[in-house]
């Protein structure tokens, strides 16, 4: 599994925007990814130094369409904190 397979997409919400000045970024990642794999992937893709990674698993929300009931897909969220010496991720600079 390559670094680009591990990180699916950034999560852009009000709560994730609040972490950008402290160099804390939020990503949706593959459910089977470990913290060390996520750290290596972020360091390789963005060229930064990661201090720590926090992860949490989310079940899909229950949704209804008329009488039919189903679930959205479950996913894993990773909150990546960079070291103080590390440069910021350019992708998020325009959003802070």
C-alpha atoms as a PDB file:
ATOM      1  CA  UNK A   1       0.000   0.000   0.000  1.00  0.00           C
ATOM      2  CA  UNK A   2       1.498   3.355  -1.042  1.00  0.00           C
ATOM      3  CA  UNK A   3       1.285   6.648   0.842  1.00  0.00           C
ATOM      4  CA  UNK A   4      -1.347   7.883  -1.610  1.00  0.00           C
ATOM      5  CA  UNK A   5      -3.509   4.815  -0.881  1.00  0.00           C
ATOM      6  CA  UNK A   6      -3.495   5.463   2.888  1.00  0.00           C
ATOM      7  CA  UNK A   7      -4.726   9.081   2.883  1.00  0.00           C
ATOM      8  CA  UNK A   8      -8.123   9.363   1.186  1.00  0.00           C
ATOM      9  CA  UNK A   9      -8.981  13.066   1.585  1.00  0.00           C
ATOM     10  CA  UNK A  10      -8.660  16.008   3.981  1.00  0.00           C
ATOM     11  CA  UNK A  11     -11.568  16.686   6.308  1.00  0.00           C
ATOM     12  CA  UNK A  12     -12.574  20.338   6.063  1.00  0.00           C
ATOM     13  CA  UNK A  13     -14.901  21.387   8.884  1.00  0.00           C
ATOM     14  CA  UNK A  14     -15.092  24.190  11.426  1.00  0.00           C
ATOM     15  CA  UNK A  15     -13.361  22.067  14.035  1.00  0.00           C
ATOM     16  CA  UNK A  16     -10.547  21.078  11.671  1.00  0.00           C
ATOM     17  CA  UNK A  17     -10.040  24.721  10.610  1.00  0.00           C
ATOM     18  CA  UNK A  18      -9.454  25.648  14.279  1.00  0.00           C
ATOM     19  CA  UNK A  19      -6.444  23.311  14.398  1.00  0.00           C
ATOM     20  CA  UNK A  20      -4.629  24.710  11.340  1.00  0.00           C
ATOM     21  CA  UNK A  21      -2.830  27.565  13.219  1.00  0.00           C
ATOM     22  CA  UNK A  22      -1.462  24.962  15.703  1.00  0.00           C
ATOM     23  CA  UNK A  23      -0.278  22.787  12.755  1.00  0.00           C
ATOM     24  CA  UNK A  24      -2.978  20.179  13.409  1.00  0.00           C
ATOM     25  CA  UNK A  25      -4.512  18.690  10.255  1.00  0.00           C
ATOM     26  CA  UNK A  26      -7.375  16.216   9.828  1.00  0.00           C
ATOM     27  CA  UNK A  27      -7.564  13.493   7.171  1.00  0.00           C
ATOM     28  CA  UNK A  28      -9.884  10.650   6.243  1.00  0.00           C
ATOM     29  CA  UNK A  29      -7.727   7.510   5.996  1.00  0.00           C
ATOM     30  CA  UNK A  30      -8.083   3.829   5.114  1.00  0.00           C
ATOM     31  CA  UNK A  31      -9.680   1.848   7.971  1.00  0.00           C
ATOM     32  CA  UNK A  32      -6.803  -0.649   8.098  1.00  0.00           C
ATOM     33  CA  UNK A  33      -4.053   2.016   8.372  1.00  0.00           C
ATOM     34  CA  UNK A  34      -1.976   2.182  11.563  1.00  0.00           C
ATOM     35  CA  UNK A  35      -0.644   5.359  13.181  1.00  0.00           C
ATOM     36  CA  UNK A  36       2.902   4.664  11.965  1.00  0.00           C
ATOM     37  CA  UNK A  37       1.671   4.148   8.391  1.00  0.00           C
ATOM     38  CA  UNK A  38      -0.317   7.406   8.541  1.00  0.00           C
ATOM     39  CA  UNK A  39       2.713   9.283   9.917  1.00  0.00           C
ATOM     40  CA  UNK A  40       4.973   7.941   7.151  1.00  0.00           C
ATOM     41  CA  UNK A  41       2.389   8.750   4.464  1.00  0.00           C
ATOM     42  CA  UNK A  42       1.905  12.376   5.592  1.00  0.00           C
ATOM     43  CA  UNK A  43       5.674  12.914   5.855  1.00  0.00           C
ATOM     44  CA  UNK A  44       6.233  11.473   2.372  1.00  0.00           C
ATOM     45  CA  UNK A  45       3.357  13.256   0.570  1.00  0.00           C
ATOM     46  CA  UNK A  46       3.707  16.728   2.133  1.00  0.00           C
ATOM     47  CA  UNK A  47       7.413  16.740   3.095  1.00  0.00           C
ATOM     48  CA  UNK A  48       6.780  17.685   6.744  1.00  0.00           C
ATOM     49  CA  UNK A  49       7.785  16.283  10.157  1.00  0.00           C
ATOM     50  CA  UNK A  50       4.949  14.693  12.174  1.00  0.00           C
ATOM     51  CA  UNK A  51       4.990  14.881  15.987  1.00  0.00           C
ATOM     52  CA  UNK A  52       1.958  12.676  16.720  1.00  0.00           C
ATOM     53  CA  UNK A  53      -1.098  11.039  15.181  1.00  0.00           C
ATOM     54  CA  UNK A  54      -4.478  10.538  16.845  1.00  0.00           C
ATOM     55  CA  UNK A  55      -7.037   8.271  15.178  1.00  0.00           C
ATOM     56  CA  UNK A  56     -10.711   7.502  15.677  1.00  0.00           C
ATOM     57  CA  UNK A  57     -13.106   5.137  13.937  1.00  0.00           C
ATOM     58  CA  UNK A  58     -16.574   6.309  12.907  1.00  0.00           C
ATOM     59  CA  UNK A  59     -19.591   4.177  12.076  1.00  0.00           C
ATOM     60  CA  UNK A  60     -21.708   5.259   9.134  1.00  0.00           C
ATOM     61  CA  UNK A  61     -24.748   7.364   9.927  1.00  0.00           C
ATOM     62  CA  UNK A  62     -28.161   5.759   9.663  1.00  0.00           C
ATOM     63  CA  UNK A  63     -30.053   7.236   6.691  1.00  0.00           C
ATOM     64  CA  UNK A  64     -33.569   6.717   5.348  1.00  0.00           C
ATOM     65  CA  UNK A  65     -34.960   7.099   1.860  1.00  0.00           C
ATOM     66  CA  UNK A  66     -38.709   6.680   2.252  1.00  0.00           C
ATOM     67  CA  UNK A  67     -39.307   3.253   3.772  1.00  0.00           C
ATOM     68  CA  UNK A  68     -35.796   1.997   3.066  1.00  0.00           C
ATOM     69  CA  UNK A  69     -33.149   2.303   5.713  1.00  0.00           C
ATOM     70  CA  UNK A  70     -29.407   2.111   5.187  1.00  0.00           C
ATOM     71  CA  UNK A  71     -26.048   3.309   6.425  1.00  0.00           C
ATOM     72  CA  UNK A  72     -23.374   5.582   5.075  1.00  0.00           C
ATOM     73  CA  UNK A  73     -19.926   4.057   4.813  1.00  0.00           C
ATOM     74  CA  UNK A  74     -17.837   3.782   7.992  1.00  0.00           C
ATOM     75  CA  UNK A  75     -14.483   5.598   7.990  1.00  0.00           C
ATOM     76  CA  UNK A  76     -11.370   6.335  10.038  1.00  0.00           C
ATOM     77  CA  UNK A  77     -10.244   9.871  10.880  1.00  0.00           C
ATOM     78  CA  UNK A  78      -6.643  10.833  11.639  1.00  0.00           C
ATOM     79  CA  UNK A  79      -5.636  14.075  13.358  1.00  0.00           C
ATOM     80  CA  UNK A  80      -1.976  14.744  12.531  1.00  0.00           C
ATOM     81  CA  UNK A  81       0.042  17.209  14.631  1.00  0.00           C
ATOM     82  CA  UNK A  82       3.278  18.548  13.125  1.00  0.00           C
ATOM     83  CA  UNK A  83       6.425  19.514  15.030  1.00  0.00           C
ATOM     84  CA  UNK A  84       7.058  23.213  15.759  1.00  0.00           C
ATOM     85  CA  UNK A  85      10.110  23.263  13.426  1.00  0.00           C
ATOM     86  CA  UNK A  86       8.161  21.709  10.558  1.00  0.00           C
ATOM     87  CA  UNK A  87       6.791  23.828   7.747  1.00  0.00           C
ATOM     88  CA  UNK A  88       3.011  24.075   7.342  1.00  0.00           C
ATOM     89  CA  UNK A  89       1.147  22.107   4.662  1.00  0.00           C
ATOM     90  CA  UNK A  90       0.615  24.486   1.726  1.00  0.00           C
ATOM     91  CA  UNK A  91      -2.769  22.987   0.794  1.00  0.00           C
ATOM     92  CA  UNK A  92      -4.294  24.279   4.044  1.00  0.00           C
ATOM     93  CA  UNK A  93      -2.581  27.714   4.069  1.00  0.00           C
ATOM     94  CA  UNK A  94      -5.268  29.407   1.972  1.00  0.00           C
ATOM     95  CA  UNK A  95      -7.999  28.136   4.343  1.00  0.00           C
ATOM     96  CA  UNK A  96      -6.655  29.353   7.674  1.00  0.00           C
END
